[in-house]
């Protein structure tokens, strides 16, 4: 059955509904098929190269789905925790990550607050002629 299944490309859409065990089983089957095709390539001068390409891409799709599912589970686990692991934090740029937060940027010293209370900005009315 695995031989028939591997002849066609694996669709990523179909992988999302599968469990982790099924995905790992499919990954194992694809890897064994790839190994067999590589042996065939050596023995029978360069046949089936496009199937090797398809299976390699299918392995990549399965691994991508496994990794994305794992990351989404980790995100749920760390959702209300104080700290996030570095690889789950927003990447952005180094400068943006080190920038002051809005609360820090708007914070004023006590002396500045008192000055603003006691000496507010004066408002002038301009008479129009």
C-alpha atoms as a PDB file:
ATOM      1  CA  UNK A   1       0.000   0.000   0.000  1.00  0.00           C
ATOM      2  CA  UNK A   2       2.805   2.415   0.837  1.00  0.00           C
ATOM      3  CA  UNK A   3       4.264   1.857  -2.621  1.00  0.00           C
ATOM      4  CA  UNK A   4       0.995   2.906  -4.302  1.00  0.00           C
ATOM      5  CA  UNK A   5       0.542   5.864  -1.978  1.00  0.00           C
ATOM      6  CA  UNK A   6       4.030   7.245  -2.582  1.00  0.00           C
ATOM      7  CA  UNK A   7       3.633   7.301  -6.373  1.00  0.00           C
ATOM      8  CA  UNK A   8       1.454  10.403  -6.086  1.00  0.00           C
ATOM      9  CA  UNK A   9       2.555  13.556  -4.342  1.00  0.00           C
ATOM     10  CA  UNK A  10       1.447  14.087  -0.751  1.00  0.00           C
ATOM     11  CA  UNK A  11      -0.929  17.023  -0.379  1.00  0.00           C
ATOM     12  CA  UNK A  12      -0.304  19.189   2.695  1.00  0.00           C
ATOM     13  CA  UNK A  13      -4.050  19.821   3.027  1.00  0.00           C
ATOM     14  CA  UNK A  14      -4.672  16.116   3.665  1.00  0.00           C
ATOM     15  CA  UNK A  15      -1.936  15.961   6.317  1.00  0.00           C
ATOM     16  CA  UNK A  16      -3.504  18.456   8.738  1.00  0.00           C
ATOM     17  CA  UNK A  17      -6.307  16.118   9.779  1.00  0.00           C
ATOM     18  CA  UNK A  18      -3.925  13.252  10.632  1.00  0.00           C
ATOM     19  CA  UNK A  19      -2.579  12.504  14.107  1.00  0.00           C
ATOM     20  CA  UNK A  20       1.104  12.731  14.996  1.00  0.00           C
ATOM     21  CA  UNK A  21       1.483   8.922  14.983  1.00  0.00           C
ATOM     22  CA  UNK A  22       0.006   8.682  11.464  1.00  0.00           C
ATOM     23  CA  UNK A  23       2.288  11.461  10.262  1.00  0.00           C
ATOM     24  CA  UNK A  24       5.378   9.778  11.722  1.00  0.00           C
ATOM     25  CA  UNK A  25       4.329   6.456  10.163  1.00  0.00           C
ATOM     26  CA  UNK A  26       3.874   8.124   6.764  1.00  0.00           C
ATOM     27  CA  UNK A  27       7.247   9.836   7.162  1.00  0.00           C
ATOM     28  CA  UNK A  28       8.903   6.456   7.795  1.00  0.00           C
ATOM     29  CA  UNK A  29       7.234   4.963   4.707  1.00  0.00           C
ATOM     30  CA  UNK A  30       8.341   7.883   2.538  1.00  0.00           C
ATOM     31  CA  UNK A  31      11.922   7.601   3.806  1.00  0.00           C
ATOM     32  CA  UNK A  32      12.069   3.857   3.066  1.00  0.00           C
ATOM     33  CA  UNK A  33      10.663   4.511  -0.434  1.00  0.00           C
ATOM     34  CA  UNK A  34      13.313   7.173  -0.961  1.00  0.00           C
ATOM     35  CA  UNK A  35      16.043   4.762   0.101  1.00  0.00           C
ATOM     36  CA  UNK A  36      14.744   2.097  -2.320  1.00  0.00           C
ATOM     37  CA  UNK A  37      14.572   4.618  -5.171  1.00  0.00           C
ATOM     38  CA  UNK A  38      18.156   5.738  -4.525  1.00  0.00           C
ATOM     39  CA  UNK A  39      19.291   2.106  -4.701  1.00  0.00           C
ATOM     40  CA  UNK A  40      17.341   1.679  -7.971  1.00  0.00           C
ATOM     41  CA  UNK A  41      18.957   4.823  -9.359  1.00  0.00           C
ATOM     42  CA  UNK A  42      22.436   3.423  -8.720  1.00  0.00           C
ATOM     43  CA  UNK A  43      21.646  -0.013 -10.157  1.00  0.00           C
ATOM     44  CA  UNK A  44      19.595   1.119 -13.189  1.00  0.00           C
ATOM     45  CA  UNK A  45      21.530   4.093 -14.617  1.00  0.00           C
ATOM     46  CA  UNK A  46      19.501   7.222 -13.768  1.00  0.00           C
ATOM     47  CA  UNK A  47      15.853   6.150 -13.986  1.00  0.00           C
ATOM     48  CA  UNK A  48      13.044   7.490 -11.723  1.00  0.00           C
ATOM     49  CA  UNK A  49      14.714  10.807 -10.891  1.00  0.00           C
ATOM     50  CA  UNK A  50      11.421  12.726 -10.883  1.00  0.00           C
ATOM     51  CA  UNK A  51       9.928  10.258  -8.343  1.00  0.00           C
ATOM     52  CA  UNK A  52      12.905  10.897  -6.039  1.00  0.00           C
ATOM     53  CA  UNK A  53      12.174  14.617  -6.299  1.00  0.00           C
ATOM     54  CA  UNK A  54       8.478  14.098  -5.498  1.00  0.00           C
ATOM     55  CA  UNK A  55       9.206  11.890  -2.489  1.00  0.00           C
ATOM     56  CA  UNK A  56      11.773  14.357  -1.110  1.00  0.00           C
ATOM     57  CA  UNK A  57       9.221  17.155  -1.375  1.00  0.00           C
ATOM     58  CA  UNK A  58       6.566  14.945   0.251  1.00  0.00           C
ATOM     59  CA  UNK A  59       8.925  14.248   3.172  1.00  0.00           C
ATOM     60  CA  UNK A  60       9.443  18.001   3.534  1.00  0.00           C
ATOM     61  CA  UNK A  61       5.666  18.575   3.588  1.00  0.00           C
ATOM     62  CA  UNK A  62       5.115  15.937   6.278  1.00  0.00           C
ATOM     63  CA  UNK A  63       7.934  17.367   8.412  1.00  0.00           C
ATOM     64  CA  UNK A  64       6.556  20.890   7.975  1.00  0.00           C
ATOM     65  CA  UNK A  65       3.100  19.841   9.162  1.00  0.00           C
ATOM     66  CA  UNK A  66       4.592  17.957  12.148  1.00  0.00           C
ATOM     67  CA  UNK A  67       6.689  20.983  13.163  1.00  0.00           C
ATOM     68  CA  UNK A  68       3.848  23.485  12.743  1.00  0.00           C
ATOM     69  CA  UNK A  69       1.481  21.333  14.805  1.00  0.00           C
ATOM     70  CA  UNK A  70       4.116  21.035  17.537  1.00  0.00           C
ATOM     71  CA  UNK A  71       4.697  24.810  17.545  1.00  0.00           C
ATOM     72  CA  UNK A  72       0.958  25.529  17.791  1.00  0.00           C
ATOM     73  CA  UNK A  73       0.728  23.173  20.793  1.00  0.00           C
ATOM     74  CA  UNK A  74       3.688  24.959  22.418  1.00  0.00           C
ATOM     75  CA  UNK A  75       2.035  28.327  21.798  1.00  0.00           C
ATOM     76  CA  UNK A  76      -1.100  27.075  23.583  1.00  0.00           C
ATOM     77  CA  UNK A  77       1.004  25.775  26.480  1.00  0.00           C
ATOM     78  CA  UNK A  78       2.855  29.085  26.933  1.00  0.00           C
ATOM     79  CA  UNK A  79      -0.191  31.287  26.247  1.00  0.00           C
ATOM     80  CA  UNK A  80      -0.682  32.780  29.737  1.00  0.00           C
ATOM     81  CA  UNK A  81       2.840  32.246  31.078  1.00  0.00           C
ATOM     82  CA  UNK A  82       5.071  35.157  32.039  1.00  0.00           C
ATOM     83  CA  UNK A  83       7.851  34.316  29.566  1.00  0.00           C
ATOM     84  CA  UNK A  84       7.823  32.838  26.057  1.00  0.00           C
ATOM     85  CA  UNK A  85      10.695  30.734  24.704  1.00  0.00           C
ATOM     86  CA  UNK A  86      12.901  32.771  22.371  1.00  0.00           C
ATOM     87  CA  UNK A  87      11.885  30.838  19.257  1.00  0.00           C
ATOM     88  CA  UNK A  88       8.188  31.575  19.905  1.00  0.00           C
ATOM     89  CA  UNK A  89       8.680  35.322  20.405  1.00  0.00           C
ATOM     90  CA  UNK A  90       8.111  37.842  17.616  1.00  0.00           C
ATOM     91  CA  UNK A  91      11.292  38.117  15.533  1.00  0.00           C
ATOM     92  CA  UNK A  92      11.063  41.716  14.223  1.00  0.00           C
ATOM     93  CA  UNK A  93      14.442  43.506  14.236  1.00  0.00           C
ATOM     94  CA  UNK A  94      16.958  43.909  17.015  1.00  0.00           C
ATOM     95  CA  UNK A  95      16.277  47.657  17.211  1.00  0.00           C
ATOM     96  CA  UNK A  96      12.509  47.159  17.475  1.00  0.00           C
ATOM     97  CA  UNK A  97      12.925  44.516  20.200  1.00  0.00           C
ATOM     98  CA  UNK A  98      15.076  46.886  22.263  1.00  0.00           C
ATOM     99  CA  UNK A  99      12.813  49.907  21.801  1.00  0.00           C
ATOM    100  CA  UNK A 100      10.949  51.349  24.793  1.00  0.00           C
ATOM    101  CA  UNK A 101       7.480  49.957  25.347  1.00  0.00           C
ATOM    102  CA  UNK A 102       4.596  52.489  25.025  1.00  0.00           C
ATOM    103  CA  UNK A 103       4.223  52.558  28.836  1.00  0.00           C
ATOM    104  CA  UNK A 104       7.939  53.274  29.291  1.00  0.00           C
ATOM    105  CA  UNK A 105       7.924  55.958  26.596  1.00  0.00           C
ATOM    106  CA  UNK A 106       4.955  57.779  28.208  1.00  0.00           C
ATOM    107  CA  UNK A 107       6.282  57.516  31.776  1.00  0.00           C
ATOM    108  CA  UNK A 108       7.098  60.887  33.407  1.00  0.00           C
ATOM    109  CA  UNK A 109       9.186  61.714  36.451  1.00  0.00           C
ATOM    110  CA  UNK A 110       7.397  62.965  39.571  1.00  0.00           C
ATOM    111  CA  UNK A 111       9.146  66.325  39.182  1.00  0.00           C
ATOM    112  CA  UNK A 112       7.842  66.674  35.598  1.00  0.00           C
ATOM    113  CA  UNK A 113       4.293  65.768  36.670  1.00  0.00           C
ATOM    114  CA  UNK A 114       4.369  68.391  39.446  1.00  0.00           C
ATOM    115  CA  UNK A 115       5.731  71.035  37.069  1.00  0.00           C
ATOM    116  CA  UNK A 116       2.945  70.311  34.559  1.00  0.00           C
ATOM    117  CA  UNK A 117       0.294  70.531  37.306  1.00  0.00           C
ATOM    118  CA  UNK A 118       1.601  73.763  38.874  1.00  0.00           C
ATOM    119  CA  UNK A 119       2.689  75.502  35.676  1.00  0.00           C
ATOM    120  CA  UNK A 120       0.327  74.334  32.919  1.00  0.00           C
ATOM    121  CA  UNK A 121       0.746  75.438  29.316  1.00  0.00           C
ATOM    122  CA  UNK A 122      -0.946  78.807  28.921  1.00  0.00           C
ATOM    123  CA  UNK A 123      -3.746  79.201  26.418  1.00  0.00           C
ATOM    124  CA  UNK A 124      -4.008  82.437  24.476  1.00  0.00           C
ATOM    125  CA  UNK A 125      -7.045  83.627  22.518  1.00  0.00           C
ATOM    126  CA  UNK A 126      -6.137  85.379  19.293  1.00  0.00           C
ATOM    127  CA  UNK A 127      -8.517  88.150  18.244  1.00  0.00           C
ATOM    128  CA  UNK A 128      -9.482  88.110  14.584  1.00  0.00           C
ATOM    129  CA  UNK A 129      -9.880  91.512  12.905  1.00  0.00           C
END
